[in-house]
Amino acid sequence: MTSGTRDHAAETARNPRVPDTPGQRAPTMLVFALPSLLALALNLWGITREGSMWRDESVTYQVAHRSIPEIWSLLHHVDAVHGAYYFLMHAVFSIWDGGLWALRLPSVLAISVCAGFVALTGRRLAGNRVGTLSGLTFALIPLVQMYAQEGRSYGLVCAFAGISTYLFVRAVDTPSTRLWTAYSATLVAAVLLHEFAVLCLLSHGITLAMSPISARIRRQWIIAAAVTVAVTLPLVLFSLGQSGQVSWIGMPKPREWLVIGVTTAIGLLCAKVVAGRSEKSERIVTGRFEGSERNPLTLPKLSLPLLIFPTAALLLASLRDPVYLDRYVLFSQIGLALLVAAALDTLTRRVPKPSVGNAKFRETWTLFTFTLLAFMALIPVTLQMRTPESRKDDVAAIAETVRQTSSDGDGILYMPARRREWALSYVKDYAPLKDLALRDSPVESTTLQGTELPAEEIRRNILNSKRIVALMDPKGQPLDQYPEETTKRQTLDQFFTECSRTEVKGAQVVLYARPGHC
């Protein structure tokens, strides 16, 4: 017998697990399926968001429609952090160019899978009921719903984080090379999709540090973590050279601080409820659940680091350079869902029960009644998230406004130049207009928005035009002070008359003309 086999046998003797019987597998499948189907149905509803996309999705759409060599060249200059996602979406559009459905369906499916694995994680730590409720809670969280319908990588990152968390719990409970390899592989996939997913790995490390885990299991996790870091480190180091790309991020606004504070408070309150250690809730605190021996991990010690650490780490890093956005740590909502479910289960079990009737059925019915009530209470938020108003801008509405405002042969200026991204997914609406500042297109320049002419040439092109459509940020936004942007503003103000100004979600469409040509 090899040393590894002896170690596994000894671990099994210390923490025996009985294989699922057919009768036990059915509940497992049900625990996974119920939240997954809810998430799938919920996020297919309104997936087209009234036919609109916002600027980040527009970037995904136009980059994914480039050739593989063109995407590869782009990543050498910008957006390396999203490279794996762009190649994935290129493959999706190559198979099915289904517009907004193809753009968002991968995220919908990813969140659906994630909801199922959140449920399995909860089941592993606290039984079928907490598991199912965890998955249902995760599917209903507004932030999760929002990014489930987003044509960006965050839903997929969250799914791999959810799978890795489940594998982490299993590997600690019943360690094997197969489980640790799968754990490392899912984390590699998550980090390749977005490098901040490494915070999920570190959260698991905090959980291990807080738990009574054997030295052998700690070594196994360290090896899995080292493999994950070694595979993904080249991408992380390369993308650091493109960090200027996120220089626009600022510190969280008061509303964002409020959300962070409320979410953290809810998590801590739920953990305190669960840690009340009543006889009924001890199974969650100690890791015992129906028909199992003690699990060395506990639900609170797994969930709290996952909820708090990723956000705290980015906020701490933001003291130097702001890097926090809620979507970067979407996977932290897994911790919140587990804690809320466990607290609700604990509170339900503490309610005095009548001496007649099936108490377990009543408890379960109470929990799922709460889920239904929560869904109904969230309907206003859920409806709002399925409208263009839920995003920063609406590139479809901007394109339609440009089409209605302009005439063939008019000039167009993007102020600032990065707002050219609004036009790249609606080429037909902008085709009749002459881009007065463009030097090289995004594909030719291997950039996201193209490169612009020197300030003097831009000024010359403006003065040679009679009517110009200018696309601008909303009022109140800071103005770029680059020479090219200053020249655009000064030349228009000095030689042109403002004919009309239309405010669209996240933008202004302004028509300028020489005097007498409005």
Protein backbone atom coordinates (compact mmCIF):
# COMPACT_ATOMS: atom_id res chain seq x y z
CA MET A 1 0.00 0.00 0.00
CA THR A 2 1.40 3.41 -1.00
CA SER A 3 1.83 6.25 1.47
CA GLY A 4 -0.96 8.24 -0.26
CA THR A 5 -3.34 5.29 -0.02
CA ARG A 6 -2.57 4.81 3.67
CA ASP A 7 -3.14 8.52 4.32
CA HIS A 8 -6.46 8.42 2.51
CA ALA A 9 -7.54 5.32 4.40
CA ALA A 10 -6.61 6.93 7.70
CA GLU A 11 -8.52 10.10 6.79
CA THR A 12 -11.55 8.04 5.81
CA ALA A 13 -11.41 6.21 9.12
CA ARG A 14 -11.33 9.52 11.00
CA ASN A 15 -14.13 11.06 8.92
CA PRO A 16 -16.23 8.26 7.40
CA ARG A 17 -18.67 9.03 4.60
CA VAL A 18 -21.28 6.63 3.34
CA PRO A 19 -21.74 6.73 -0.45
CA ASP A 20 -25.08 8.07 -1.61
CA THR A 21 -27.76 5.48 -2.17
CA PRO A 22 -30.25 6.02 -5.01
CA GLY A 23 -32.67 7.44 -2.44
CA GLN A 24 -30.04 9.94 -1.27
CA ARG A 25 -28.97 10.95 -4.78
CA ALA A 26 -32.49 12.09 -5.63
CA PRO A 27 -32.49 14.82 -2.94
CA THR A 28 -29.02 15.90 -4.08
CA MET A 29 -30.25 16.35 -7.64
CA LEU A 30 -33.33 18.19 -6.36
CA VAL A 31 -31.24 20.50 -4.16
CA PHE A 32 -29.17 21.41 -7.23
CA ALA A 33 -32.06 21.62 -9.68
CA LEU A 34 -34.50 23.85 -7.82
CA PRO A 35 -32.21 26.90 -7.46
CA SER A 36 -30.71 26.34 -10.91
CA LEU A 37 -34.09 26.30 -12.59
CA LEU A 38 -35.25 29.36 -10.65
CA ALA A 39 -32.11 31.26 -11.65
CA LEU A 40 -32.48 30.14 -15.27
CA ALA A 41 -36.13 31.16 -15.52
CA LEU A 42 -35.57 34.41 -13.65
CA ASN A 43 -32.65 35.51 -15.81
CA LEU A 44 -34.08 34.44 -19.16
CA TRP A 45 -36.97 36.78 -18.34
CA GLY A 46 -36.19 40.13 -19.94
CA ILE A 47 -32.78 39.01 -21.19
CA THR A 48 -32.82 41.48 -24.13
CA ARG A 49 -33.46 44.44 -21.78
CA GLU A 50 -35.76 46.09 -24.33
CA GLY A 51 -33.16 45.65 -27.07
CA SER A 52 -30.44 47.73 -25.43
CA MET A 53 -26.85 47.19 -24.37
CA TRP A 54 -24.49 49.44 -22.48
CA ARG A 55 -20.96 50.46 -23.39
CA ASP A 56 -19.08 47.58 -21.70
CA GLU A 57 -21.32 45.07 -23.45
CA SER A 58 -20.80 46.95 -26.69
CA VAL A 59 -17.06 46.40 -26.25
CA THR A 60 -17.64 42.68 -25.75
CA TYR A 61 -19.84 42.52 -28.84
CA GLN A 62 -17.46 44.28 -31.21
CA VAL A 63 -14.27 42.64 -29.90
CA ALA A 64 -15.81 39.16 -30.04
CA HIS A 65 -16.66 39.77 -33.70
CA ARG A 66 -13.02 40.40 -34.58
CA SER A 67 -10.85 37.59 -35.91
CA ILE A 68 -8.70 35.57 -33.52
CA PRO A 69 -5.45 37.26 -34.69
CA GLU A 70 -7.11 40.67 -34.27
CA ILE A 71 -8.22 39.82 -30.71
CA TRP A 72 -4.75 38.51 -29.91
CA SER A 73 -3.16 41.75 -31.16
CA LEU A 74 -5.61 43.82 -29.11
CA LEU A 75 -4.71 42.00 -25.91
CA HIS A 76 -1.08 43.04 -26.28
CA HIS A 77 -2.19 46.64 -25.82
CA VAL A 78 -5.34 46.59 -23.69
CA ASP A 79 -7.89 44.35 -21.92
CA ALA A 80 -5.62 41.35 -21.38
CA VAL A 81 -7.59 40.73 -18.19
CA HIS A 82 -10.65 39.95 -20.36
CA GLY A 83 -8.80 38.02 -23.05
CA ALA A 84 -10.09 34.56 -22.19
CA TYR A 85 -13.64 35.88 -22.13
CA TYR A 86 -13.27 37.55 -25.53
CA PHE A 87 -12.04 34.30 -27.07
CA LEU A 88 -14.94 32.43 -25.48
CA MET A 89 -17.47 34.92 -26.84
CA HIS A 90 -15.78 34.80 -30.25
CA ALA A 91 -16.46 31.07 -30.24
CA VAL A 92 -20.08 31.65 -29.17
CA PHE A 93 -20.72 34.14 -31.97
CA SER A 94 -18.96 31.87 -34.47
CA ILE A 95 -21.45 29.12 -33.63
CA TRP A 96 -24.50 31.32 -33.19
CA ASP A 97 -24.57 35.03 -33.96
CA GLY A 98 -27.74 35.52 -31.95
CA GLY A 99 -27.37 39.19 -31.03
CA LEU A 100 -28.27 40.06 -27.45
CA TRP A 101 -29.32 36.49 -26.68
CA ALA A 102 -25.93 35.13 -27.67
CA LEU A 103 -24.21 38.00 -25.85
CA ARG A 104 -25.94 37.35 -22.50
CA LEU A 105 -26.90 33.68 -22.51
CA PRO A 106 -23.47 32.47 -21.28
CA SER A 107 -23.86 34.64 -18.18
CA VAL A 108 -27.41 33.41 -17.60
CA LEU A 109 -26.32 29.77 -17.81
CA ALA A 110 -23.28 30.43 -15.60
CA ILE A 111 -25.34 31.97 -12.80
CA SER A 112 -27.83 29.13 -13.07
CA VAL A 113 -25.04 26.60 -12.57
CA CYS A 114 -23.59 28.69 -9.75
CA ALA A 115 -26.92 28.73 -7.90
CA GLY A 116 -26.94 24.93 -8.01
CA PHE A 117 -23.42 24.66 -6.62
CA VAL A 118 -24.18 27.19 -3.88
CA ALA A 119 -27.04 24.88 -2.91
CA LEU A 120 -24.77 21.82 -2.93
CA THR A 121 -22.24 23.67 -0.76
CA GLY A 122 -24.95 24.56 1.74
CA ARG A 123 -26.23 20.99 1.70
CA ARG A 124 -22.74 19.64 2.31
CA LEU A 125 -22.34 21.83 5.39
CA ALA A 126 -25.86 22.06 6.81
CA GLY A 127 -28.28 19.68 5.11
CA ASN A 128 -30.79 19.66 2.27
CA ARG A 129 -33.00 22.47 3.50
CA VAL A 130 -30.23 25.02 4.13
CA GLY A 131 -28.64 23.98 0.86
CA THR A 132 -31.77 24.52 -1.20
CA LEU A 133 -32.53 27.79 0.54
CA SER A 134 -28.93 28.97 -0.07
CA GLY A 135 -29.28 28.41 -3.80
CA LEU A 136 -32.68 30.11 -3.93
CA THR A 137 -31.38 33.08 -1.92
CA PHE A 138 -28.37 33.42 -4.24
CA ALA A 139 -30.63 33.45 -7.31
CA LEU A 140 -32.76 36.25 -5.82
CA ILE A 141 -29.93 38.60 -4.75
CA PRO A 142 -30.37 41.77 -6.87
CA LEU A 143 -26.66 42.11 -7.70
CA VAL A 144 -26.59 38.52 -8.92
CA GLN A 145 -29.66 39.09 -11.09
CA MET A 146 -28.04 42.17 -12.59
CA TYR A 147 -24.84 40.51 -13.74
CA ALA A 148 -26.60 37.32 -14.78
CA GLN A 149 -27.91 39.41 -17.70
CA GLU A 150 -24.62 41.08 -18.51
CA GLY A 151 -22.53 40.41 -21.60
CA ARG A 152 -19.35 40.47 -19.56
CA SER A 153 -17.25 37.89 -17.72
CA TYR A 154 -18.50 38.40 -14.16
CA GLY A 155 -21.24 35.77 -14.21
CA LEU A 156 -18.80 33.14 -15.47
CA VAL A 157 -16.22 34.12 -12.86
CA CYS A 158 -18.89 33.74 -10.19
CA ALA A 159 -19.83 30.30 -11.51
CA PHE A 160 -16.26 29.01 -11.35
CA ALA A 161 -15.87 30.53 -7.89
CA GLY A 162 -19.03 28.74 -6.79
CA ILE A 163 -17.86 25.42 -8.21
CA SER A 164 -14.42 25.83 -6.63
CA THR A 165 -16.00 26.60 -3.24
CA TYR A 166 -18.04 23.41 -3.41
CA LEU A 167 -14.96 21.41 -4.44
CA PHE A 168 -13.00 23.06 -1.62
CA VAL A 169 -15.56 21.88 0.96
CA ARG A 170 -15.54 18.37 -0.49
CA ALA A 171 -11.76 18.18 -0.75
CA VAL A 172 -11.30 19.22 2.89
CA ASP A 173 -13.98 16.80 4.01
CA THR A 174 -12.91 13.80 1.90
CA PRO A 175 -9.49 14.69 0.45
CA SER A 176 -8.33 13.19 -2.82
CA THR A 177 -5.98 14.18 -5.61
CA ARG A 178 -8.89 14.25 -8.03
CA LEU A 179 -10.83 16.79 -5.97
CA TRP A 180 -7.84 19.06 -5.34
CA THR A 181 -6.94 18.96 -9.04
CA ALA A 182 -10.49 19.90 -10.00
CA TYR A 183 -10.46 22.65 -7.37
CA SER A 184 -7.28 24.16 -8.77
CA ALA A 185 -8.53 23.87 -12.36
CA THR A 186 -11.78 25.74 -11.64
CA LEU A 187 -9.90 28.51 -9.87
CA VAL A 188 -7.48 28.78 -12.79
CA ALA A 189 -10.48 29.19 -15.09
CA ALA A 190 -11.94 31.87 -12.80
CA VAL A 191 -8.68 33.85 -12.61
CA LEU A 192 -8.12 33.62 -16.37
CA LEU A 193 -11.56 35.17 -16.82
CA HIS A 194 -10.79 37.91 -14.28
CA GLU A 195 -7.69 38.10 -12.12
CA PHE A 196 -9.50 39.37 -9.01
CA ALA A 197 -10.98 35.87 -8.69
CA VAL A 198 -7.74 35.06 -6.87
CA LEU A 199 -9.44 36.69 -3.87
CA CYS A 200 -11.75 33.66 -3.75
CA LEU A 201 -8.69 31.44 -3.33
CA LEU A 202 -7.38 33.65 -0.52
CA SER A 203 -10.79 33.57 1.17
CA HIS A 204 -10.57 29.79 1.24
CA GLY A 205 -7.13 30.12 2.81
CA ILE A 206 -8.60 32.26 5.59
CA THR A 207 -11.26 29.62 6.17
CA LEU A 208 -8.57 26.98 6.55
CA ALA A 209 -6.65 29.17 8.99
CA MET A 210 -9.78 29.51 11.12
CA SER A 211 -10.66 25.80 11.08
CA PRO A 212 -9.34 22.70 12.88
CA ILE A 213 -7.78 21.19 9.77
CA SER A 214 -5.01 18.61 9.71
CA ALA A 215 -1.54 19.60 8.51
CA ARG A 216 -1.89 17.18 5.62
CA ILE A 217 -4.98 18.91 4.26
CA ARG A 218 -3.32 22.29 4.70
CA ARG A 219 -0.38 21.09 2.62
CA GLN A 220 -2.75 19.83 -0.08
CA TRP A 221 -4.49 23.20 -0.25
CA ILE A 222 -1.15 25.02 -0.41
CA ILE A 223 -0.10 22.84 -3.34
CA ALA A 224 -3.41 23.47 -5.15
CA ALA A 225 -3.10 27.20 -4.45
CA ALA A 226 0.50 27.26 -5.67
CA VAL A 227 -0.48 25.55 -8.93
CA THR A 228 -3.28 28.06 -9.44
CA VAL A 229 -0.96 31.01 -8.84
CA ALA A 230 1.82 29.56 -11.02
CA VAL A 231 -0.50 29.04 -13.98
CA THR A 232 -2.17 32.44 -13.77
CA LEU A 233 0.76 34.61 -12.62
CA PRO A 234 2.02 35.43 -16.15
CA LEU A 235 -1.38 36.87 -17.08
CA VAL A 236 -1.59 38.85 -13.84
CA LEU A 237 1.90 40.31 -14.28
CA PHE A 238 1.26 41.18 -17.93
CA SER A 239 -2.07 42.85 -17.17
CA LEU A 240 -0.44 45.02 -14.50
CA GLY A 241 1.21 46.85 -17.37
CA GLN A 242 -2.27 47.84 -18.54
CA SER A 243 -3.44 49.09 -15.14
CA GLY A 244 -3.93 52.59 -16.55
CA GLN A 245 -7.02 51.19 -18.24
CA VAL A 246 -8.89 51.32 -14.89
CA SER A 247 -7.62 54.75 -13.88
CA TRP A 248 -11.17 56.06 -14.30
CA ILE A 249 -12.35 54.11 -11.23
CA GLY A 250 -12.93 56.29 -8.19
CA MET A 251 -13.59 55.54 -4.55
CA PRO A 252 -17.08 54.19 -3.83
CA LYS A 253 -19.84 56.79 -3.70
CA PRO A 254 -22.00 57.17 -0.56
CA ARG A 255 -24.67 54.85 -1.97
CA GLU A 256 -22.05 52.18 -2.67
CA TRP A 257 -20.64 52.53 0.85
CA LEU A 258 -24.16 52.08 2.18
CA VAL A 259 -24.65 48.87 0.19
CA ILE A 260 -21.27 47.54 1.35
CA GLY A 261 -22.08 48.37 4.96
CA VAL A 262 -25.58 46.90 4.90
CA THR A 263 -24.41 43.71 3.17
CA THR A 264 -21.60 43.22 5.67
CA ALA A 265 -23.92 43.91 8.59
CA ILE A 266 -26.45 41.37 7.31
CA GLY A 267 -23.70 38.78 6.97
CA LEU A 268 -22.37 39.39 10.48
CA LEU A 269 -25.86 39.38 11.98
CA CYS A 270 -26.70 36.09 10.26
CA ALA A 271 -23.43 34.57 11.49
CA LYS A 272 -24.29 35.66 15.03
CA VAL A 273 -27.75 34.10 14.74
CA VAL A 274 -26.26 30.82 13.54
CA ALA A 275 -23.58 30.93 16.24
CA GLY A 276 -26.27 31.01 18.92
CA ARG A 277 -25.47 27.30 19.23
CA SER A 278 -28.94 26.20 20.15
CA GLU A 279 -29.39 22.48 20.00
CA LYS A 280 -31.21 22.87 16.72
CA SER A 281 -28.57 25.03 15.06
CA GLU A 282 -25.49 23.19 16.31
CA ARG A 283 -25.32 21.16 13.13
CA ILE A 284 -24.59 24.34 11.15
CA VAL A 285 -22.00 25.64 13.60
CA THR A 286 -20.20 22.30 13.99
CA GLY A 287 -20.61 21.03 10.46
CA ARG A 288 -22.94 18.17 11.35
CA PHE A 289 -26.01 17.48 9.29
CA GLU A 290 -28.41 14.61 8.83
CA GLY A 291 -26.65 11.29 8.38
CA SER A 292 -23.09 12.64 8.46
CA GLU A 293 -20.10 12.77 10.71
CA ARG A 294 -18.45 16.04 11.66
CA ASN A 295 -17.24 18.15 8.73
CA PRO A 296 -14.03 20.01 9.66
CA LEU A 297 -15.36 23.14 7.94
CA THR A 298 -18.37 25.07 9.20
CA LEU A 299 -20.76 27.24 7.27
CA PRO A 300 -19.98 30.53 9.09
CA LYS A 301 -16.21 30.07 8.80
CA LEU A 302 -16.54 29.38 5.08
CA SER A 303 -19.05 32.12 4.32
CA LEU A 304 -17.80 35.12 6.28
CA PRO A 305 -14.32 35.30 4.66
CA LEU A 306 -15.91 34.82 1.24
CA LEU A 307 -18.36 37.65 1.89
CA ILE A 308 -16.03 40.14 3.56
CA PHE A 309 -12.43 39.56 2.46
CA PRO A 310 -12.65 40.20 -1.34
CA THR A 311 -14.43 43.53 -0.84
CA ALA A 312 -12.15 44.55 2.04
CA ALA A 313 -9.03 43.68 0.03
CA LEU A 314 -10.06 45.84 -2.95
CA LEU A 315 -11.10 48.71 -0.70
CA LEU A 316 -7.74 48.54 1.08
CA ALA A 317 -5.91 48.52 -2.26
CA SER A 318 -8.04 51.50 -3.31
CA LEU A 319 -6.35 53.66 -0.70
CA ARG A 320 -3.49 53.82 -3.20
CA ASP A 321 -5.29 53.41 -6.55
CA PRO A 322 -9.08 52.88 -6.59
CA VAL A 323 -9.92 49.45 -8.00
CA TYR A 324 -13.18 48.51 -6.29
CA LEU A 325 -16.30 47.77 -8.32
CA ASP A 326 -19.03 45.50 -6.99
CA ARG A 327 -18.97 43.36 -10.13
CA TYR A 328 -15.30 42.51 -9.55
CA VAL A 329 -16.28 40.60 -6.40
CA LEU A 330 -19.70 39.30 -7.44
CA PHE A 331 -18.71 35.87 -6.11
CA SER A 332 -18.74 37.26 -2.55
CA GLN A 333 -22.55 37.04 -2.75
CA ILE A 334 -22.13 33.26 -2.39
CA GLY A 335 -21.09 33.84 1.22
CA LEU A 336 -24.09 36.11 1.82
CA ALA A 337 -26.54 33.55 0.42
CA LEU A 338 -25.15 30.77 2.63
CA LEU A 339 -25.31 32.91 5.77
CA VAL A 340 -28.84 34.18 5.13
CA ALA A 341 -30.11 30.66 4.47
CA ALA A 342 -28.45 29.24 7.59
CA ALA A 343 -29.80 32.07 9.77
CA LEU A 344 -33.34 31.64 8.47
CA ASP A 345 -33.16 27.91 9.09
CA THR A 346 -31.88 28.50 12.63
CA LEU A 347 -34.59 31.04 13.42
CA THR A 348 -37.29 28.78 12.05
CA ARG A 349 -36.13 25.93 14.26
CA ARG A 350 -36.20 28.14 17.34
CA VAL A 351 -39.88 28.97 16.93
CA PRO A 352 -41.99 26.99 19.44
CA LYS A 353 -43.79 24.13 17.71
CA PRO A 354 -47.25 22.76 18.44
CA SER A 355 -47.35 19.22 19.72
CA VAL A 356 -49.38 17.96 16.78
CA GLY A 357 -48.58 17.80 13.09
CA ASN A 358 -45.36 17.35 11.11
CA ALA A 359 -42.96 19.94 12.53
CA LYS A 360 -40.32 19.39 9.85
CA PHE A 361 -42.86 19.94 7.09
CA ARG A 362 -44.05 23.16 8.74
CA GLU A 363 -40.47 24.44 9.06
CA THR A 364 -39.74 23.70 5.42
CA TRP A 365 -43.01 25.28 4.31
CA THR A 366 -42.20 28.39 6.38
CA LEU A 367 -38.80 28.75 4.70
CA PHE A 368 -40.13 28.46 1.19
CA THR A 369 -42.96 30.83 2.01
CA PHE A 370 -40.28 33.31 3.02
CA THR A 371 -38.53 32.75 -0.32
CA LEU A 372 -41.76 33.51 -2.16
CA LEU A 373 -42.34 36.64 -0.10
CA ALA A 374 -38.76 37.77 -0.72
CA PHE A 375 -39.26 37.33 -4.46
CA MET A 376 -42.47 39.37 -4.34
CA ALA A 377 -40.78 42.10 -2.28
CA LEU A 378 -37.94 42.29 -4.84
CA ILE A 379 -40.26 42.54 -7.85
CA PRO A 380 -39.80 46.35 -8.23
CA VAL A 381 -36.00 45.93 -8.22
CA THR A 382 -36.22 42.91 -10.49
CA LEU A 383 -38.33 44.80 -13.02
CA GLN A 384 -36.04 47.83 -12.96
CA MET A 385 -32.98 45.68 -13.65
CA ARG A 386 -34.59 44.49 -16.86
CA THR A 387 -34.81 48.00 -18.31
CA PRO A 388 -32.10 50.14 -19.96
CA GLU A 389 -32.32 52.49 -16.97
CA SER A 390 -30.50 49.94 -14.84
CA ARG A 391 -27.20 50.51 -16.68
CA LYS A 392 -24.90 53.50 -17.02
CA ASP A 393 -25.91 54.18 -20.61
CA ASP A 394 -27.96 52.81 -23.50
CA VAL A 395 -25.98 52.59 -26.72
CA ALA A 396 -29.05 51.52 -28.72
CA ALA A 397 -30.97 54.64 -27.67
CA ILE A 398 -27.91 56.79 -28.38
CA ALA A 399 -27.63 55.32 -31.88
CA GLU A 400 -31.33 55.95 -32.54
CA THR A 401 -31.03 59.56 -31.36
CA VAL A 402 -28.00 60.10 -33.60
CA ARG A 403 -29.93 58.71 -36.56
CA GLN A 404 -32.87 61.04 -35.90
CA THR A 405 -30.70 64.11 -35.26
CA SER A 406 -28.22 63.85 -38.12
CA SER A 407 -28.28 64.03 -41.90
CA ASP A 408 -26.12 62.13 -44.35
CA GLY A 409 -22.69 63.72 -44.66
CA ASP A 410 -22.72 65.42 -41.24
CA GLY A 411 -19.57 65.21 -39.19
CA ILE A 412 -19.41 63.43 -35.84
CA LEU A 413 -17.18 63.95 -32.82
CA TYR A 414 -16.81 61.73 -29.77
CA MET A 415 -16.15 63.86 -26.70
CA PRO A 416 -14.16 62.26 -25.14
CA ALA A 417 -12.66 59.91 -27.73
CA ARG A 418 -13.37 56.79 -25.66
CA ARG A 419 -17.10 57.31 -26.25
CA ARG A 420 -16.52 56.01 -29.77
CA GLU A 421 -17.32 52.67 -28.10
CA TRP A 422 -20.98 53.75 -28.24
CA ALA A 423 -20.91 53.50 -32.03
CA LEU A 424 -19.00 50.29 -32.60
CA SER A 425 -21.92 47.89 -32.20
CA TYR A 426 -24.34 49.99 -34.30
CA VAL A 427 -22.20 50.69 -37.34
CA LYS A 428 -25.13 51.18 -39.75
CA ASP A 429 -26.56 54.08 -37.76
CA TYR A 430 -23.24 55.93 -37.86
CA ALA A 431 -22.14 54.96 -41.39
CA PRO A 432 -23.58 58.10 -43.11
CA LEU A 433 -21.54 60.36 -40.79
CA LYS A 434 -17.92 61.42 -41.18
CA ASP A 435 -15.72 60.83 -38.12
CA LEU A 436 -13.76 64.09 -38.00
CA ALA A 437 -11.16 62.98 -35.45
CA LEU A 438 -10.45 59.35 -36.34
CA ARG A 439 -7.00 58.45 -37.59
CA ASP A 440 -7.01 54.64 -37.36
CA SER A 441 -10.00 52.42 -36.69
CA PRO A 442 -10.09 50.19 -33.58
CA VAL A 443 -9.13 47.12 -35.61
CA GLU A 444 -6.34 48.91 -37.53
CA SER A 445 -4.89 50.39 -34.33
CA THR A 446 -5.44 47.21 -32.25
CA THR A 447 -7.31 49.28 -29.64
CA LEU A 448 -10.85 49.41 -28.30
CA GLN A 449 -11.80 52.89 -29.56
CA GLY A 450 -9.29 53.66 -32.32
CA THR A 451 -6.71 56.44 -32.38
CA GLU A 452 -7.34 60.11 -33.15
CA LEU A 453 -5.64 62.74 -35.26
CA PRO A 454 -3.45 65.48 -33.76
CA ALA A 455 -5.32 68.49 -32.38
CA GLU A 456 -4.54 70.75 -35.35
CA GLU A 457 -5.90 68.26 -37.89
CA ILE A 458 -9.04 67.78 -35.82
CA ARG A 459 -9.53 71.56 -35.76
CA ARG A 460 -9.07 71.75 -39.53
CA ASN A 461 -11.67 69.01 -40.12
CA ILE A 462 -14.15 70.72 -37.79
CA LEU A 463 -13.78 74.05 -39.59
CA ASN A 464 -14.36 72.34 -42.94
CA SER A 465 -17.75 71.03 -41.77
CA LYS A 466 -21.17 72.73 -41.73
CA ARG A 467 -23.00 70.45 -39.29
CA ILE A 468 -21.53 68.25 -36.57
CA VAL A 469 -23.09 65.77 -34.18
CA ALA A 470 -21.19 65.61 -30.88
CA LEU A 471 -21.58 62.69 -28.49
CA MET A 472 -20.83 63.76 -24.92
CA ASP A 473 -20.94 62.44 -21.40
CA PRO A 474 -23.85 63.62 -19.22
CA LYS A 475 -23.69 67.05 -17.64
CA GLY A 476 -21.58 67.27 -14.54
CA GLN A 477 -18.92 64.78 -15.70
CA PRO A 478 -15.30 66.02 -15.56
CA LEU A 479 -13.91 67.19 -18.89
CA ASP A 480 -10.77 65.60 -20.32
CA GLN A 481 -7.92 68.09 -20.61
CA TYR A 482 -6.01 66.40 -23.44
CA PRO A 483 -5.15 68.81 -26.30
CA GLU A 484 -7.42 66.97 -28.72
CA GLU A 485 -10.43 67.21 -26.40
CA THR A 486 -9.78 70.86 -25.56
CA THR A 487 -9.53 71.66 -29.27
CA LYS A 488 -12.88 70.00 -29.99
CA ARG A 489 -14.66 72.01 -27.31
CA GLN A 490 -13.04 75.34 -28.08
CA THR A 491 -13.54 75.11 -31.86
CA LEU A 492 -17.21 74.20 -31.55
CA ASP A 493 -17.87 76.93 -29.00
CA GLN A 494 -16.08 79.58 -31.08
CA PHE A 495 -17.30 78.86 -34.61
CA PHE A 496 -20.54 76.87 -34.29
CA THR A 497 -24.06 77.32 -32.95
CA GLU A 498 -25.74 74.72 -30.79
CA CYS A 499 -28.88 73.65 -32.68
CA SER A 500 -30.20 70.96 -30.33
CA ARG A 501 -29.21 68.99 -27.26
CA THR A 502 -30.87 65.67 -26.49
CA GLU A 503 -30.19 63.86 -23.25
CA VAL A 504 -30.23 60.07 -23.51
CA LYS A 505 -29.48 57.57 -20.75
CA GLY A 506 -25.80 58.17 -19.91
CA ALA A 507 -25.12 60.56 -22.80
CA GLN A 508 -25.87 63.81 -24.61
CA VAL A 509 -26.36 64.06 -28.38
CA VAL A 510 -25.65 67.65 -29.42
CA LEU A 511 -26.08 69.03 -32.93
CA TYR A 512 -23.79 71.92 -33.86
CA ALA A 513 -23.90 73.92 -37.10
CA ARG A 514 -22.36 76.94 -38.71
CA PRO A 515 -24.59 79.99 -38.23
CA GLY A 516 -27.61 79.69 -40.52
CA HIS A 517 -27.22 75.93 -41.13
CA CYS A 518 -29.18 74.44 -38.22
